[in-house]
């Protein structure tokens, strides 16, 4: 099932073209990576896709429902989202557990399945041993990883992740990629991830989309290749 369908998208910053005639898609059940040189407007493309920026031309369609016919849920992690200060009162595991609460039901009793989901999410990013630490005591990279674990705990249908493995070691990255592949292939999630680690991730991904510069233009115009 097609969760993202972008056709002929063009975007400008002021009068400067940044993205031109971009078309791509992401389906349920696949793990897709998006790469490109520095300055290739990868994050800008994601923000246009999510409706956080408005394209000058083209169409963006995000499915309203998942493969079960229920409302599609999206888990989005932008670059360097973590900004908790030293006084943030929650522990690591409390924050990740909060992702299992139904919207608006903060006193919902978690089930054994909920707790196992939280444990798996924390182990996948190598933070299970730090589950009782206060969020404010963690480094910036560790906070970023906790945000990832919370997204996993919410169990979205569509993952959109912008450079999520910053600060992870090689073993942690491998475990994280395996979890994404499992989520896509076994649970029919859709994963779109911006990354620089495309060599490390080749054995896990299903498809590679690359933003490249148009050679015949002085403007920052890009097109898609796969």
N, C-alpha and C. Protein backbone atom coordinates (compact mmCIF):
# COMPACT_ATOMS: atom_id res chain seq x y z
N UNK A 1 0.85 -1.20 0.00
CA UNK A 1 0.00 0.00 0.00
C UNK A 1 0.88 1.24 0.00
N UNK A 2 0.55 2.22 -0.82
CA UNK A 2 1.38 3.43 -0.93
C UNK A 2 1.06 4.40 0.20
N UNK A 3 2.06 4.68 1.04
CA UNK A 3 1.88 5.61 2.15
C UNK A 3 2.31 7.03 1.78
N UNK A 4 3.36 7.17 0.95
CA UNK A 4 3.82 8.49 0.49
C UNK A 4 3.88 8.45 -1.04
N UNK A 5 3.32 9.48 -1.67
CA UNK A 5 3.39 9.59 -3.13
C UNK A 5 3.62 11.06 -3.49
N UNK A 6 4.83 11.38 -3.90
CA UNK A 6 5.21 12.75 -4.25
C UNK A 6 5.45 12.82 -5.76
N UNK A 7 4.83 13.81 -6.41
CA UNK A 7 4.94 13.93 -7.86
C UNK A 7 5.29 15.36 -8.27
N UNK A 8 6.40 15.49 -9.00
CA UNK A 8 6.81 16.75 -9.64
C UNK A 8 6.90 17.91 -8.65
N UNK A 9 7.44 17.64 -7.48
CA UNK A 9 7.53 18.68 -6.44
C UNK A 9 8.66 19.66 -6.74
N UNK A 10 8.35 20.94 -6.64
CA UNK A 10 9.33 22.01 -6.77
C UNK A 10 9.20 22.94 -5.57
N UNK A 11 10.35 23.34 -5.02
CA UNK A 11 10.32 24.20 -3.83
C UNK A 11 11.38 25.29 -3.97
N UNK A 12 11.03 26.50 -3.53
CA UNK A 12 11.93 27.64 -3.57
C UNK A 12 12.15 28.19 -2.16
N UNK A 13 13.37 28.63 -1.89
CA UNK A 13 13.64 29.51 -0.76
C UNK A 13 13.76 30.91 -1.32
N UNK A 14 12.77 31.76 -1.07
CA UNK A 14 12.75 33.05 -1.73
C UNK A 14 12.57 32.84 -3.22
N UNK A 15 13.51 33.35 -4.01
CA UNK A 15 13.45 33.17 -5.46
C UNK A 15 14.42 32.08 -5.93
N UNK A 16 15.08 31.43 -5.00
CA UNK A 16 16.08 30.42 -5.36
C UNK A 16 15.46 29.03 -5.39
N UNK A 17 15.54 28.33 -6.53
CA UNK A 17 15.02 26.97 -6.60
C UNK A 17 15.93 26.01 -5.82
N UNK A 18 15.34 25.21 -4.97
CA UNK A 18 16.10 24.27 -4.15
C UNK A 18 15.81 22.83 -4.57
N UNK A 19 14.55 22.53 -4.81
CA UNK A 19 14.13 21.22 -5.28
C UNK A 19 13.32 21.42 -6.55
N UNK A 20 13.55 20.57 -7.56
CA UNK A 20 12.87 20.77 -8.83
C UNK A 20 12.41 19.44 -9.42
N UNK A 21 11.10 19.35 -9.67
CA UNK A 21 10.51 18.19 -10.33
C UNK A 21 10.86 16.87 -9.63
N UNK A 22 10.67 16.86 -8.32
CA UNK A 22 10.98 15.68 -7.52
C UNK A 22 9.78 14.74 -7.47
N UNK A 23 10.00 13.46 -7.77
CA UNK A 23 8.96 12.45 -7.64
C UNK A 23 9.53 11.24 -6.92
N UNK A 24 8.83 10.75 -5.92
CA UNK A 24 9.25 9.53 -5.23
C UNK A 24 8.06 8.97 -4.47
N UNK A 25 8.19 7.74 -4.01
CA UNK A 25 7.13 7.12 -3.23
C UNK A 25 7.72 6.18 -2.17
N UNK A 26 6.93 5.90 -1.17
CA UNK A 26 7.29 4.92 -0.13
C UNK A 26 6.04 4.09 0.16
N UNK A 27 6.21 2.77 0.14
CA UNK A 27 5.09 1.86 0.37
C UNK A 27 5.21 1.16 1.72
N UNK A 28 4.10 0.67 2.22
CA UNK A 28 4.13 -0.16 3.42
C UNK A 28 4.97 -1.39 3.14
N UNK A 29 5.69 -1.86 4.14
CA UNK A 29 6.49 -3.07 3.98
C UNK A 29 7.87 -2.85 3.42
N UNK A 30 8.29 -1.57 3.25
CA UNK A 30 9.63 -1.35 2.72
C UNK A 30 10.41 -0.33 3.54
N UNK A 31 11.72 -0.52 3.53
CA UNK A 31 12.69 0.30 4.24
C UNK A 31 13.49 1.07 3.18
N UNK A 32 13.23 2.38 3.09
CA UNK A 32 13.80 3.22 2.04
C UNK A 32 14.76 4.23 2.67
N UNK A 33 15.93 4.41 2.08
CA UNK A 33 16.84 5.45 2.56
C UNK A 33 16.93 6.56 1.52
N UNK A 34 17.17 7.77 2.03
CA UNK A 34 17.33 8.97 1.21
C UNK A 34 18.70 9.56 1.49
N UNK A 35 19.52 9.70 0.45
CA UNK A 35 20.86 10.23 0.62
C UNK A 35 21.10 11.38 -0.36
N UNK A 36 22.24 12.03 -0.18
CA UNK A 36 22.62 13.13 -1.05
C UNK A 36 23.77 13.88 -0.42
N UNK A 37 24.49 14.65 -1.23
CA UNK A 37 25.63 15.41 -0.71
C UNK A 37 25.14 16.44 0.30
N UNK A 38 26.07 16.97 1.09
CA UNK A 38 25.71 18.03 2.03
C UNK A 38 25.10 19.20 1.28
N UNK A 39 23.99 19.73 1.79
CA UNK A 39 23.31 20.84 1.13
C UNK A 39 22.34 20.40 0.05
N UNK A 40 22.08 19.10 -0.03
CA UNK A 40 21.21 18.58 -1.09
C UNK A 40 19.74 18.67 -0.75
N UNK A 41 19.38 19.40 0.29
CA UNK A 41 17.98 19.69 0.62
C UNK A 41 17.19 18.44 1.00
N UNK A 42 17.86 17.47 1.60
CA UNK A 42 17.17 16.24 2.01
C UNK A 42 16.13 16.53 3.08
N UNK A 43 16.52 17.27 4.10
CA UNK A 43 15.58 17.62 5.17
C UNK A 43 14.46 18.50 4.65
N UNK A 44 14.79 19.37 3.70
CA UNK A 44 13.77 20.23 3.10
C UNK A 44 12.73 19.40 2.36
N UNK A 45 13.18 18.37 1.67
CA UNK A 45 12.25 17.48 0.98
C UNK A 45 11.32 16.78 1.97
N UNK A 46 11.87 16.31 3.08
CA UNK A 46 11.06 15.65 4.10
C UNK A 46 10.02 16.61 4.67
N UNK A 47 10.44 17.85 4.93
CA UNK A 47 9.52 18.83 5.51
C UNK A 47 8.42 19.21 4.53
N UNK A 48 8.73 19.24 3.25
CA UNK A 48 7.69 19.44 2.23
C UNK A 48 6.73 18.25 2.20
N UNK A 49 7.27 17.07 2.32
CA UNK A 49 6.45 15.86 2.30
C UNK A 49 5.46 15.84 3.46
N UNK A 50 5.92 16.30 4.62
CA UNK A 50 5.08 16.28 5.82
C UNK A 50 4.13 17.48 5.92
N UNK A 51 4.25 18.43 4.99
CA UNK A 51 3.39 19.61 5.03
C UNK A 51 3.91 20.72 5.92
N UNK A 52 5.16 20.58 6.40
CA UNK A 52 5.76 21.62 7.23
C UNK A 52 6.26 22.78 6.39
N UNK A 53 6.50 22.53 5.11
CA UNK A 53 6.81 23.56 4.11
C UNK A 53 5.85 23.37 2.94
N UNK A 54 5.61 24.45 2.22
CA UNK A 54 4.66 24.39 1.10
C UNK A 54 5.40 24.44 -0.22
N UNK A 55 5.28 23.41 -1.05
CA UNK A 55 5.97 23.42 -2.35
C UNK A 55 5.37 24.45 -3.29
N UNK A 56 6.19 24.91 -4.24
CA UNK A 56 5.70 25.86 -5.24
C UNK A 56 4.88 25.16 -6.31
N UNK A 57 5.17 23.88 -6.52
CA UNK A 57 4.45 23.11 -7.53
C UNK A 57 4.52 21.64 -7.17
N UNK A 58 3.65 20.85 -7.79
CA UNK A 58 3.64 19.41 -7.56
C UNK A 58 2.63 19.01 -6.51
N UNK A 59 2.52 17.70 -6.29
CA UNK A 59 1.56 17.17 -5.32
C UNK A 59 2.24 16.24 -4.34
N UNK A 60 1.75 16.26 -3.12
CA UNK A 60 2.20 15.36 -2.07
C UNK A 60 0.97 14.66 -1.50
N UNK A 61 0.95 13.34 -1.57
CA UNK A 61 -0.16 12.57 -1.04
C UNK A 61 0.35 11.61 0.01
N UNK A 62 -0.18 11.74 1.22
CA UNK A 62 0.10 10.79 2.29
C UNK A 62 -1.20 10.06 2.60
N UNK A 63 -1.13 8.75 2.61
CA UNK A 63 -2.33 7.95 2.82
C UNK A 63 -3.01 8.33 4.13
N UNK A 64 -4.32 8.35 4.12
CA UNK A 64 -5.07 8.65 5.34
C UNK A 64 -5.23 7.42 6.22
N UNK A 65 -5.06 6.23 5.64
CA UNK A 65 -5.26 4.99 6.39
C UNK A 65 -4.06 4.06 6.22
N UNK A 66 -3.94 3.11 7.17
CA UNK A 66 -2.90 2.09 7.06
C UNK A 66 -3.45 0.86 6.36
N UNK A 67 -2.67 -0.21 6.33
CA UNK A 67 -3.10 -1.41 5.60
C UNK A 67 -4.30 -2.09 6.24
N UNK A 68 -4.60 -1.74 7.50
CA UNK A 68 -5.77 -2.31 8.19
C UNK A 68 -7.00 -1.43 8.07
N UNK A 69 -6.87 -0.30 7.36
CA UNK A 69 -7.99 0.61 7.19
C UNK A 69 -8.17 1.58 8.34
N UNK A 70 -7.24 1.58 9.30
CA UNK A 70 -7.29 2.52 10.42
C UNK A 70 -6.52 3.79 10.07
N UNK A 71 -6.71 4.84 10.85
CA UNK A 71 -6.02 6.10 10.60
C UNK A 71 -4.51 5.90 10.62
N UNK A 72 -3.83 6.39 9.59
CA UNK A 72 -2.39 6.25 9.50
C UNK A 72 -1.71 7.07 10.60
N UNK A 73 -0.75 6.46 11.29
CA UNK A 73 0.03 7.18 12.31
C UNK A 73 1.46 7.34 11.80
N UNK A 74 2.03 8.51 12.08
CA UNK A 74 3.37 8.86 11.59
C UNK A 74 4.29 9.16 12.77
N UNK A 75 5.47 8.56 12.74
CA UNK A 75 6.51 8.87 13.72
C UNK A 75 7.64 9.61 13.04
N UNK A 76 7.83 10.89 13.38
CA UNK A 76 8.82 11.74 12.71
C UNK A 76 9.88 12.18 13.70
N UNK A 77 11.14 11.94 13.35
CA UNK A 77 12.26 12.43 14.15
C UNK A 77 13.11 13.35 13.27
N UNK A 78 13.07 14.67 13.49
CA UNK A 78 13.96 15.57 12.74
C UNK A 78 15.38 15.49 13.28
N UNK A 79 16.30 16.14 12.59
CA UNK A 79 17.68 16.17 13.07
C UNK A 79 17.77 16.85 14.42
N UNK A 80 18.58 16.23 15.32
CA UNK A 80 18.89 16.83 16.62
C UNK A 80 17.65 17.35 17.32
N UNK A 81 16.67 16.48 17.48
CA UNK A 81 15.43 16.90 18.13
C UNK A 81 15.60 17.12 19.63
N UNK A 82 16.53 16.36 20.25
CA UNK A 82 16.62 16.35 21.71
C UNK A 82 17.09 17.71 22.25
N UNK A 83 16.31 18.28 23.18
CA UNK A 83 16.68 19.57 23.78
C UNK A 83 16.32 19.61 25.26
N UNK A 84 16.27 18.44 25.91
CA UNK A 84 15.95 18.39 27.33
C UNK A 84 17.07 19.03 28.14
N UNK A 85 16.71 19.86 29.11
CA UNK A 85 17.75 20.47 29.93
C UNK A 85 18.05 19.61 31.16
N UNK A 86 19.03 20.03 31.95
CA UNK A 86 19.50 19.23 33.07
C UNK A 86 18.43 19.03 34.13
N UNK A 87 17.42 19.89 34.16
CA UNK A 87 16.38 19.77 35.17
C UNK A 87 15.19 18.92 34.75
N UNK A 88 15.24 18.33 33.56
CA UNK A 88 14.12 17.53 33.08
C UNK A 88 13.89 16.36 34.04
N UNK A 89 12.68 16.21 34.62
CA UNK A 89 12.48 15.30 35.76
C UNK A 89 12.33 13.83 35.40
N UNK A 90 11.99 13.49 34.17
CA UNK A 90 11.67 12.11 33.82
C UNK A 90 12.92 11.24 33.71
N UNK A 91 12.76 9.95 34.00
CA UNK A 91 13.81 8.99 33.70
C UNK A 91 13.66 8.52 32.26
N UNK A 92 14.70 7.85 31.78
CA UNK A 92 14.69 7.33 30.42
C UNK A 92 13.49 6.42 30.18
N UNK A 93 13.29 5.47 31.06
CA UNK A 93 12.22 4.48 30.84
C UNK A 93 10.84 5.11 30.99
N UNK A 94 10.71 6.11 31.87
CA UNK A 94 9.42 6.79 32.00
C UNK A 94 9.05 7.52 30.72
N UNK A 95 10.03 8.18 30.11
CA UNK A 95 9.75 8.91 28.88
C UNK A 95 9.37 7.95 27.75
N UNK A 96 10.09 6.86 27.62
CA UNK A 96 9.80 5.91 26.54
C UNK A 96 8.46 5.22 26.79
N UNK A 97 8.16 4.89 28.04
CA UNK A 97 6.86 4.29 28.36
C UNK A 97 5.71 5.21 27.99
N UNK A 98 5.91 6.51 28.09
CA UNK A 98 4.83 7.45 27.78
C UNK A 98 4.38 7.32 26.33
N UNK A 99 5.25 6.79 25.47
CA UNK A 99 4.87 6.58 24.10
C UNK A 99 3.84 5.48 23.91
N UNK A 100 3.62 4.67 24.95
CA UNK A 100 2.64 3.59 24.88
C UNK A 100 1.25 4.01 25.37
N UNK A 101 1.16 5.21 25.95
CA UNK A 101 -0.13 5.67 26.44
C UNK A 101 -1.02 6.10 25.29
N UNK A 102 -2.27 5.68 25.24
CA UNK A 102 -3.19 6.22 24.24
C UNK A 102 -3.29 7.73 24.39
N UNK A 103 -3.53 8.42 23.30
CA UNK A 103 -3.58 9.89 23.34
C UNK A 103 -4.59 10.37 24.38
N UNK A 104 -4.10 11.21 25.30
CA UNK A 104 -4.97 11.80 26.31
C UNK A 104 -5.24 10.91 27.51
N UNK A 105 -4.65 9.71 27.54
CA UNK A 105 -4.89 8.77 28.65
C UNK A 105 -3.58 8.50 29.37
N UNK A 106 -3.15 9.49 30.17
CA UNK A 106 -1.84 9.43 30.81
C UNK A 106 -1.79 8.45 31.98
N UNK A 107 -2.94 8.02 32.48
CA UNK A 107 -2.95 7.09 33.61
C UNK A 107 -3.35 5.68 33.16
N UNK A 108 -3.23 5.43 31.87
CA UNK A 108 -3.51 4.12 31.30
C UNK A 108 -2.55 3.09 31.89
N UNK A 109 -3.07 1.93 32.31
CA UNK A 109 -2.20 0.88 32.85
C UNK A 109 -1.54 0.12 31.70
N UNK A 110 -0.22 0.06 31.74
CA UNK A 110 0.50 -0.62 30.67
C UNK A 110 0.41 -2.14 30.84
N UNK A 111 0.33 -2.83 29.72
CA UNK A 111 0.25 -4.28 29.73
C UNK A 111 1.67 -4.87 29.64
N UNK A 112 1.75 -6.19 29.79
CA UNK A 112 3.05 -6.86 29.65
C UNK A 112 3.60 -6.62 28.24
N UNK A 113 2.72 -6.62 27.25
CA UNK A 113 3.15 -6.35 25.86
C UNK A 113 3.74 -4.95 25.74
N UNK A 114 3.11 -3.97 26.41
CA UNK A 114 3.64 -2.60 26.41
C UNK A 114 5.05 -2.56 26.96
N UNK A 115 5.24 -3.22 28.11
CA UNK A 115 6.56 -3.20 28.76
C UNK A 115 7.61 -3.89 27.89
N UNK A 116 7.24 -4.98 27.24
CA UNK A 116 8.18 -5.67 26.36
C UNK A 116 8.52 -4.79 25.16
N UNK A 117 7.55 -4.05 24.65
CA UNK A 117 7.79 -3.15 23.51
C UNK A 117 8.78 -2.06 23.91
N UNK A 118 8.62 -1.52 25.11
CA UNK A 118 9.52 -0.48 25.61
C UNK A 118 10.93 -1.04 25.77
N UNK A 119 11.04 -2.23 26.35
CA UNK A 119 12.35 -2.85 26.53
C UNK A 119 13.04 -3.07 25.19
N UNK A 120 12.30 -3.58 24.22
CA UNK A 120 12.87 -3.83 22.89
C UNK A 120 13.33 -2.52 22.24
N UNK A 121 12.54 -1.47 22.41
CA UNK A 121 12.89 -0.18 21.82
C UNK A 121 14.19 0.36 22.42
N UNK A 122 14.33 0.27 23.75
CA UNK A 122 15.54 0.76 24.41
C UNK A 122 16.76 -0.09 24.06
N UNK A 123 16.58 -1.38 23.99
CA UNK A 123 17.71 -2.25 23.63
C UNK A 123 18.15 -2.02 22.20
N UNK A 124 17.21 -1.68 21.33
CA UNK A 124 17.54 -1.49 19.92
C UNK A 124 18.47 -0.31 19.70
N UNK A 125 18.45 0.68 20.62
CA UNK A 125 19.34 1.83 20.46
C UNK A 125 20.43 1.84 21.55
N UNK A 126 20.60 0.68 22.20
CA UNK A 126 21.69 0.52 23.16
C UNK A 126 21.56 1.32 24.42
N UNK A 127 20.32 1.57 24.90
CA UNK A 127 20.11 2.41 26.08
C UNK A 127 19.38 1.69 27.21
N UNK A 128 19.22 0.39 27.11
CA UNK A 128 18.50 -0.34 28.16
C UNK A 128 19.20 -0.22 29.51
N UNK A 129 20.52 -0.29 29.52
CA UNK A 129 21.27 -0.23 30.78
C UNK A 129 21.16 1.14 31.45
N UNK A 130 20.73 2.15 30.71
CA UNK A 130 20.62 3.50 31.27
C UNK A 130 19.16 3.89 31.51
N UNK A 131 18.28 2.90 31.58
CA UNK A 131 16.84 3.17 31.66
C UNK A 131 16.42 3.95 32.90
N UNK A 132 17.19 3.88 33.99
CA UNK A 132 16.82 4.58 35.22
C UNK A 132 17.51 5.92 35.38
N UNK A 133 18.29 6.32 34.39
CA UNK A 133 18.95 7.63 34.42
C UNK A 133 17.94 8.74 34.15
N UNK A 134 18.20 9.91 34.73
CA UNK A 134 17.40 11.08 34.41
C UNK A 134 17.75 11.58 33.00
N UNK A 135 16.73 11.98 32.25
CA UNK A 135 16.95 12.46 30.89
C UNK A 135 17.94 13.62 30.85
N UNK A 136 17.83 14.53 31.82
CA UNK A 136 18.69 15.71 31.84
C UNK A 136 20.15 15.41 32.07
N UNK A 137 20.47 14.18 32.52
CA UNK A 137 21.86 13.80 32.78
C UNK A 137 22.55 13.23 31.55
N UNK A 138 21.81 13.01 30.49
CA UNK A 138 22.37 12.35 29.31
C UNK A 138 23.07 13.32 28.38
N UNK A 139 23.94 12.80 27.54
CA UNK A 139 24.58 13.62 26.51
C UNK A 139 23.58 13.90 25.39
N UNK A 140 23.94 14.82 24.50
CA UNK A 140 23.05 15.15 23.40
C UNK A 140 22.75 13.95 22.52
N UNK A 141 23.78 13.14 22.21
CA UNK A 141 23.57 11.96 21.39
C UNK A 141 22.68 10.94 22.07
N UNK A 142 22.83 10.78 23.38
CA UNK A 142 21.98 9.84 24.13
C UNK A 142 20.53 10.31 24.15
N UNK A 143 20.32 11.61 24.30
CA UNK A 143 18.95 12.14 24.27
C UNK A 143 18.29 11.89 22.93
N UNK A 144 19.07 12.04 21.86
CA UNK A 144 18.54 11.77 20.52
C UNK A 144 18.09 10.32 20.42
N UNK A 145 18.88 9.41 20.97
CA UNK A 145 18.55 8.00 20.90
C UNK A 145 17.30 7.68 21.72
N UNK A 146 17.11 8.37 22.84
CA UNK A 146 15.91 8.16 23.65
C UNK A 146 14.67 8.61 22.88
N UNK A 147 14.79 9.70 22.15
CA UNK A 147 13.67 10.15 21.32
C UNK A 147 13.31 9.09 20.28
N UNK A 148 14.32 8.44 19.73
CA UNK A 148 14.08 7.36 18.78
C UNK A 148 13.33 6.21 19.45
N UNK A 149 13.77 5.84 20.66
CA UNK A 149 13.12 4.74 21.37
C UNK A 149 11.66 5.07 21.64
N UNK A 150 11.36 6.32 21.98
CA UNK A 150 9.97 6.69 22.24
C UNK A 150 9.13 6.59 20.97
N UNK A 151 9.71 6.97 19.82
CA UNK A 151 8.98 6.82 18.56
C UNK A 151 8.66 5.35 18.31
N UNK A 152 9.64 4.47 18.55
CA UNK A 152 9.37 3.04 18.39
C UNK A 152 8.27 2.58 19.33
N UNK A 153 8.27 3.13 20.53
CA UNK A 153 7.25 2.73 21.51
C UNK A 153 5.85 3.13 21.07
N UNK A 154 5.72 4.22 20.31
CA UNK A 154 4.39 4.63 19.84
C UNK A 154 3.88 3.72 18.73
N UNK A 155 4.78 2.94 18.12
CA UNK A 155 4.42 1.95 17.09
C UNK A 155 3.69 2.60 15.91
N UNK A 156 4.32 3.58 15.22
CA UNK A 156 3.65 4.23 14.09
C UNK A 156 3.61 3.34 12.86
N UNK A 157 2.75 3.68 11.92
CA UNK A 157 2.69 2.97 10.64
C UNK A 157 3.79 3.43 9.70
N UNK A 158 4.13 4.71 9.78
CA UNK A 158 5.12 5.32 8.89
C UNK A 158 6.20 6.01 9.72
N UNK A 159 7.44 5.54 9.57
CA UNK A 159 8.58 6.17 10.22
C UNK A 159 9.25 7.12 9.24
N UNK A 160 9.48 8.37 9.67
CA UNK A 160 10.26 9.32 8.87
C UNK A 160 11.38 9.84 9.78
N UNK A 161 12.61 9.46 9.46
CA UNK A 161 13.75 9.66 10.35
C UNK A 161 14.86 10.42 9.64
N UNK A 162 15.29 11.52 10.24
CA UNK A 162 16.30 12.38 9.64
C UNK A 162 17.62 12.22 10.39
N UNK A 163 18.57 11.51 9.80
CA UNK A 163 19.88 11.25 10.40
C UNK A 163 19.73 10.71 11.83
N UNK A 164 19.01 9.62 12.03
CA UNK A 164 18.72 9.17 13.39
C UNK A 164 19.87 8.50 14.12
N UNK A 165 20.91 8.06 13.41
CA UNK A 165 21.95 7.27 14.06
C UNK A 165 23.14 8.10 14.53
N UNK A 166 23.00 9.42 14.53
CA UNK A 166 24.07 10.29 15.03
C UNK A 166 24.41 9.91 16.47
N UNK A 167 25.68 9.66 16.75
CA UNK A 167 26.11 9.32 18.10
C UNK A 167 26.06 7.84 18.43
N UNK A 168 25.57 7.01 17.52
CA UNK A 168 25.53 5.56 17.76
C UNK A 168 26.84 4.91 17.29
N UNK A 169 27.27 3.87 18.03
CA UNK A 169 28.42 3.10 17.56
C UNK A 169 27.97 2.08 16.52
N UNK A 170 28.92 1.37 15.93
CA UNK A 170 28.60 0.45 14.83
C UNK A 170 27.62 -0.65 15.24
N UNK A 171 27.81 -1.22 16.42
CA UNK A 171 26.91 -2.29 16.88
C UNK A 171 25.50 -1.77 17.08
N UNK A 172 25.37 -0.59 17.67
CA UNK A 172 24.06 0.00 17.91
C UNK A 172 23.36 0.32 16.59
N UNK A 173 24.12 0.82 15.62
CA UNK A 173 23.54 1.12 14.31
C UNK A 173 23.00 -0.15 13.66
N UNK A 174 23.79 -1.22 13.72
CA UNK A 174 23.36 -2.47 13.12
C UNK A 174 22.08 -2.98 13.74
N UNK A 175 22.00 -2.93 15.08
CA UNK A 175 20.79 -3.38 15.77
C UNK A 175 19.60 -2.50 15.40
N UNK A 176 19.83 -1.21 15.28
CA UNK A 176 18.77 -0.27 14.91
C UNK A 176 18.26 -0.56 13.50
N UNK A 177 19.17 -0.78 12.56
CA UNK A 177 18.77 -1.09 11.19
C UNK A 177 18.00 -2.41 11.12
N UNK A 178 18.42 -3.39 11.90
CA UNK A 178 17.70 -4.66 11.91
C UNK A 178 16.27 -4.47 12.41
N UNK A 179 16.11 -3.61 13.42
CA UNK A 179 14.77 -3.36 13.94
C UNK A 179 13.90 -2.66 12.90
N UNK A 180 14.47 -1.71 12.17
CA UNK A 180 13.71 -1.04 11.12
C UNK A 180 13.29 -2.03 10.03
N UNK A 181 14.22 -2.88 9.62
CA UNK A 181 13.90 -3.88 8.60
C UNK A 181 12.80 -4.83 9.09
N UNK A 182 12.91 -5.26 10.36
CA UNK A 182 11.89 -6.14 10.94
C UNK A 182 10.53 -5.44 10.97
N UNK A 183 10.53 -4.16 11.35
CA UNK A 183 9.28 -3.40 11.41
C UNK A 183 8.63 -3.34 10.04
N UNK A 184 9.45 -3.14 9.00
CA UNK A 184 8.91 -3.04 7.64
C UNK A 184 8.47 -4.40 7.10
N UNK A 185 9.34 -5.38 7.19
CA UNK A 185 9.07 -6.67 6.53
C UNK A 185 8.06 -7.53 7.28
N UNK A 186 8.11 -7.50 8.60
CA UNK A 186 7.23 -8.37 9.39
C UNK A 186 5.92 -7.67 9.76
N UNK A 187 6.01 -6.39 10.11
CA UNK A 187 4.83 -5.66 10.59
C UNK A 187 4.27 -4.69 9.55
N UNK A 188 4.84 -4.71 8.35
CA UNK A 188 4.32 -3.90 7.23
C UNK A 188 4.34 -2.40 7.51
N UNK A 189 5.31 -1.95 8.31
CA UNK A 189 5.51 -0.52 8.47
C UNK A 189 6.20 0.04 7.23
N UNK A 190 6.18 1.34 7.06
CA UNK A 190 6.94 2.00 6.01
C UNK A 190 8.02 2.85 6.68
N UNK A 191 9.25 2.78 6.17
CA UNK A 191 10.37 3.52 6.76
C UNK A 191 11.03 4.35 5.68
N UNK A 192 11.14 5.67 5.95
CA UNK A 192 11.91 6.58 5.10
C UNK A 192 12.96 7.24 5.98
N UNK A 193 14.22 7.02 5.68
CA UNK A 193 15.30 7.49 6.56
C UNK A 193 16.37 8.22 5.78
N UNK A 194 16.66 9.47 6.18
CA UNK A 194 17.82 10.20 5.67
C UNK A 194 19.06 9.67 6.38
N UNK A 195 20.11 9.37 5.62
CA UNK A 195 21.32 8.85 6.23
C UNK A 195 22.54 9.15 5.37
N UNK A 196 23.72 9.16 6.02
CA UNK A 196 25.00 9.20 5.31
C UNK A 196 25.62 7.81 5.29
N UNK A 197 25.06 6.88 6.06
CA UNK A 197 25.67 5.56 6.23
C UNK A 197 25.16 4.55 5.22
N UNK A 198 25.08 4.93 3.93
CA UNK A 198 24.44 4.03 2.98
C UNK A 198 25.26 2.77 2.71
N UNK A 199 26.57 2.79 2.97
CA UNK A 199 27.35 1.56 2.82
C UNK A 199 27.02 0.59 3.95
N UNK A 200 26.92 1.10 5.18
CA UNK A 200 26.61 0.25 6.33
C UNK A 200 25.21 -0.35 6.25
N UNK A 201 24.33 0.33 5.56
CA UNK A 201 22.91 -0.03 5.63
C UNK A 201 22.46 -0.88 4.44
N UNK A 202 23.35 -1.12 3.47
CA UNK A 202 22.95 -1.79 2.24
C UNK A 202 22.26 -3.12 2.47
N UNK A 203 22.73 -3.91 3.44
CA UNK A 203 22.16 -5.24 3.65
C UNK A 203 20.78 -5.19 4.30
N UNK A 204 20.37 -4.02 4.80
CA UNK A 204 19.10 -3.91 5.50
C UNK A 204 18.01 -3.21 4.68
N UNK A 205 18.41 -2.27 3.83
CA UNK A 205 17.42 -1.44 3.12
C UNK A 205 16.81 -2.19 1.95
N UNK A 206 15.67 -1.69 1.49
CA UNK A 206 15.02 -2.23 0.29
C UNK A 206 15.27 -1.35 -0.93
N UNK A 207 15.37 -0.05 -0.70
CA UNK A 207 15.49 0.86 -1.84
C UNK A 207 16.26 2.09 -1.42
N UNK A 208 17.02 2.65 -2.37
CA UNK A 208 17.88 3.81 -2.13
C UNK A 208 17.46 4.94 -3.07
N UNK A 209 17.06 6.05 -2.49
CA UNK A 209 16.73 7.25 -3.27
C UNK A 209 17.84 8.27 -3.02
N UNK A 210 18.35 8.87 -4.09
CA UNK A 210 19.47 9.81 -3.97
C UNK A 210 19.11 11.15 -4.59
N UNK A 211 19.38 12.20 -3.86
CA UNK A 211 19.25 13.56 -4.39
C UNK A 211 20.59 13.96 -5.02
N UNK A 212 20.55 14.41 -6.28
CA UNK A 212 21.78 14.78 -6.97
C UNK A 212 21.62 16.15 -7.62
N UNK A 213 22.73 16.83 -7.77
CA UNK A 213 22.70 18.18 -8.34
C UNK A 213 22.56 18.12 -9.86
N UNK A 214 21.73 19.00 -10.42
CA UNK A 214 21.64 19.11 -11.88
C UNK A 214 22.89 19.82 -12.40
N UNK A 215 23.55 19.20 -13.35
CA UNK A 215 24.84 19.72 -13.82
C UNK A 215 24.71 20.96 -14.69
N UNK A 216 23.54 21.18 -15.29
CA UNK A 216 23.40 22.26 -16.26
C UNK A 216 22.79 23.53 -15.67
N UNK A 217 22.86 23.67 -14.35
CA UNK A 217 22.24 24.83 -13.72
C UNK A 217 23.13 25.40 -12.64
N UNK A 218 23.13 26.74 -12.52
CA UNK A 218 23.90 27.38 -11.46
C UNK A 218 23.10 27.41 -10.16
N UNK A 219 21.80 27.10 -10.24
CA UNK A 219 20.95 27.10 -9.06
C UNK A 219 21.07 25.79 -8.30
N UNK A 220 20.60 25.83 -7.06
CA UNK A 220 20.62 24.60 -6.26
C UNK A 220 19.38 23.78 -6.61
N UNK A 221 19.40 23.19 -7.77
CA UNK A 221 18.28 22.35 -8.23
C UNK A 221 18.70 20.89 -8.15
N UNK A 222 17.80 20.08 -7.71
CA UNK A 222 18.10 18.67 -7.53
C UNK A 222 17.03 17.81 -8.16
N UNK A 223 17.38 16.61 -8.52
CA UNK A 223 16.39 15.66 -9.00
C UNK A 223 16.66 14.31 -8.34
N UNK A 224 15.71 13.39 -8.48
CA UNK A 224 15.80 12.11 -7.82
C UNK A 224 16.37 11.06 -8.75
N UNK A 225 17.18 10.18 -8.19
CA UNK A 225 17.59 8.97 -8.90
C UNK A 225 17.51 7.83 -7.92
N UNK A 226 17.36 6.63 -8.39
CA UNK A 226 17.24 5.49 -7.48
C UNK A 226 17.98 4.30 -8.03
